[in-house]
């Protein structure tokens, strides 16, 4: 497990080895307002996390999620993320 801190030393994120993440949200004056747990089960549906949910789009390298109608196209310039349409 490790922690990430903001510029004034407040803990803003906790990451465990089990793909469970906690995010800490602070109010303007520094009091902790909320703590959210994010687990592996709540990952967004993408071509990486759910490849079987996507079909190729004819004539392009894009992939379309039939359930949501979103199309994912690999960013041609950066090549490290997808553009979602």
C-alpha atoms as a PDB file:
ATOM      1  CA  UNK A   1       0.000   0.000   0.000  1.00  0.00           C
ATOM      2  CA  UNK A   2       1.187   3.507  -0.711  1.00  0.00           C
ATOM      3  CA  UNK A   3      -0.149   7.039  -0.391  1.00  0.00           C
ATOM      4  CA  UNK A   4      -0.103  10.125  -2.588  1.00  0.00           C
ATOM      5  CA  UNK A   5      -0.066  13.630  -1.090  1.00  0.00           C
ATOM      6  CA  UNK A   6      -0.905  17.070  -2.421  1.00  0.00           C
ATOM      7  CA  UNK A   7       1.347  20.142  -2.323  1.00  0.00           C
ATOM      8  CA  UNK A   8       0.495  21.024   1.288  1.00  0.00           C
ATOM      9  CA  UNK A   9       0.997  17.512   2.654  1.00  0.00           C
ATOM     10  CA  UNK A  10      -2.585  16.251   2.787  1.00  0.00           C
ATOM     11  CA  UNK A  11      -3.157  12.625   1.878  1.00  0.00           C
ATOM     12  CA  UNK A  12      -5.223  12.578  -1.309  1.00  0.00           C
ATOM     13  CA  UNK A  13      -5.004   8.973  -2.448  1.00  0.00           C
ATOM     14  CA  UNK A  14      -4.351   5.519  -1.012  1.00  0.00           C
ATOM     15  CA  UNK A  15      -3.557   2.601  -3.309  1.00  0.00           C
ATOM     16  CA  UNK A  16      -3.403  -0.995  -2.112  1.00  0.00           C
ATOM     17  CA  UNK A  17      -1.969  -4.067  -3.774  1.00  0.00           C
ATOM     18  CA  UNK A  18      -5.493  -5.428  -4.347  1.00  0.00           C
ATOM     19  CA  UNK A  19      -6.482  -2.762  -6.901  1.00  0.00           C
ATOM     20  CA  UNK A  20      -8.579  -0.929  -4.323  1.00  0.00           C
ATOM     21  CA  UNK A  21      -8.045   2.787  -4.228  1.00  0.00           C
ATOM     22  CA  UNK A  22      -9.272   5.433  -1.819  1.00  0.00           C
ATOM     23  CA  UNK A  23      -9.557   9.077  -2.826  1.00  0.00           C
ATOM     24  CA  UNK A  24      -9.717  11.779  -0.142  1.00  0.00           C
ATOM     25  CA  UNK A  25     -11.515  15.066  -0.924  1.00  0.00           C
ATOM     26  CA  UNK A  26     -10.908  18.156   1.212  1.00  0.00           C
ATOM     27  CA  UNK A  27     -12.946  21.310   1.811  1.00  0.00           C
ATOM     28  CA  UNK A  28     -11.517  24.753   1.073  1.00  0.00           C
ATOM     29  CA  UNK A  29     -10.155  25.200   4.608  1.00  0.00           C
ATOM     30  CA  UNK A  30      -8.483  21.787   4.761  1.00  0.00           C
ATOM     31  CA  UNK A  31     -11.028  19.586   6.530  1.00  0.00           C
ATOM     32  CA  UNK A  32     -11.610  16.210   4.910  1.00  0.00           C
ATOM     33  CA  UNK A  33     -15.023  16.279   3.238  1.00  0.00           C
ATOM     34  CA  UNK A  34     -15.331  12.831   1.650  1.00  0.00           C
ATOM     35  CA  UNK A  35     -13.509   9.540   1.256  1.00  0.00           C
ATOM     36  CA  UNK A  36     -14.292   7.403  -1.779  1.00  0.00           C
ATOM     37  CA  UNK A  37     -13.292   3.785  -2.311  1.00  0.00           C
ATOM     38  CA  UNK A  38     -12.698   2.733  -5.868  1.00  0.00           C
ATOM     39  CA  UNK A  39     -12.253  -0.957  -6.592  1.00  0.00           C
ATOM     40  CA  UNK A  40     -11.315  -2.937  -9.656  1.00  0.00           C
ATOM     41  CA  UNK A  41     -14.982  -3.758 -10.204  1.00  0.00           C
ATOM     42  CA  UNK A  42     -15.772  -0.095 -10.824  1.00  0.00           C
ATOM     43  CA  UNK A  43     -13.334   0.448 -13.692  1.00  0.00           C
ATOM     44  CA  UNK A  44     -14.897   2.152 -16.701  1.00  0.00           C
ATOM     45  CA  UNK A  45     -15.757   0.013 -19.696  1.00  0.00           C
ATOM     46  CA  UNK A  46     -12.905   0.477 -22.162  1.00  0.00           C
ATOM     47  CA  UNK A  47     -11.292  -1.565 -24.933  1.00  0.00           C
ATOM     48  CA  UNK A  48      -8.686  -2.656 -22.358  1.00  0.00           C
ATOM     49  CA  UNK A  49     -10.931  -3.524 -19.399  1.00  0.00           C
ATOM     50  CA  UNK A  50     -13.775  -5.106 -21.422  1.00  0.00           C
ATOM     51  CA  UNK A  51     -12.477  -6.072 -24.888  1.00  0.00           C
ATOM     52  CA  UNK A  52     -15.414  -8.410 -25.575  1.00  0.00           C
ATOM     53  CA  UNK A  53     -17.896  -5.504 -25.376  1.00  0.00           C
ATOM     54  CA  UNK A  54     -16.432  -3.835 -28.479  1.00  0.00           C
ATOM     55  CA  UNK A  55     -16.825  -4.495 -32.174  1.00  0.00           C
ATOM     56  CA  UNK A  56     -14.511  -3.161 -34.900  1.00  0.00           C
ATOM     57  CA  UNK A  57     -15.779  -0.251 -36.999  1.00  0.00           C
ATOM     58  CA  UNK A  58     -15.527  -1.094 -40.688  1.00  0.00           C
ATOM     59  CA  UNK A  59     -12.861   0.872 -42.556  1.00  0.00           C
ATOM     60  CA  UNK A  60     -11.203   2.336 -39.428  1.00  0.00           C
ATOM     61  CA  UNK A  61      -9.118   1.254 -36.458  1.00  0.00           C
ATOM     62  CA  UNK A  62     -11.914   2.391 -34.105  1.00  0.00           C
ATOM     63  CA  UNK A  63     -13.894   0.065 -31.880  1.00  0.00           C
ATOM     64  CA  UNK A  64     -17.535   0.637 -30.922  1.00  0.00           C
ATOM     65  CA  UNK A  65     -19.273  -0.354 -27.712  1.00  0.00           C
ATOM     66  CA  UNK A  66     -22.650  -1.668 -28.835  1.00  0.00           C
ATOM     67  CA  UNK A  67     -24.216  -1.184 -25.379  1.00  0.00           C
ATOM     68  CA  UNK A  68     -23.363   2.518 -24.997  1.00  0.00           C
ATOM     69  CA  UNK A  69     -22.828   3.546 -28.621  1.00  0.00           C
ATOM     70  CA  UNK A  70     -19.400   5.026 -27.776  1.00  0.00           C
ATOM     71  CA  UNK A  71     -16.603   4.690 -30.321  1.00  0.00           C
ATOM     72  CA  UNK A  72     -12.992   4.430 -29.165  1.00  0.00           C
ATOM     73  CA  UNK A  73     -10.217   5.536 -31.511  1.00  0.00           C
ATOM     74  CA  UNK A  74      -6.532   5.296 -30.539  1.00  0.00           C
ATOM     75  CA  UNK A  75      -5.053   8.807 -30.468  1.00  0.00           C
ATOM     76  CA  UNK A  76      -2.811   8.898 -33.544  1.00  0.00           C
ATOM     77  CA  UNK A  77      -0.489  11.581 -32.192  1.00  0.00           C
ATOM     78  CA  UNK A  78       0.145  10.449 -28.611  1.00  0.00           C
ATOM     79  CA  UNK A  79      -0.652   6.723 -29.036  1.00  0.00           C
ATOM     80  CA  UNK A  80      -1.066   6.301 -25.264  1.00  0.00           C
ATOM     81  CA  UNK A  81      -4.827   6.856 -24.916  1.00  0.00           C
ATOM     82  CA  UNK A  82      -8.096   6.603 -26.776  1.00  0.00           C
ATOM     83  CA  UNK A  83     -10.400   9.325 -28.020  1.00  0.00           C
ATOM     84  CA  UNK A  84     -14.038   8.569 -27.196  1.00  0.00           C
ATOM     85  CA  UNK A  85     -16.834   9.707 -29.531  1.00  0.00           C
END
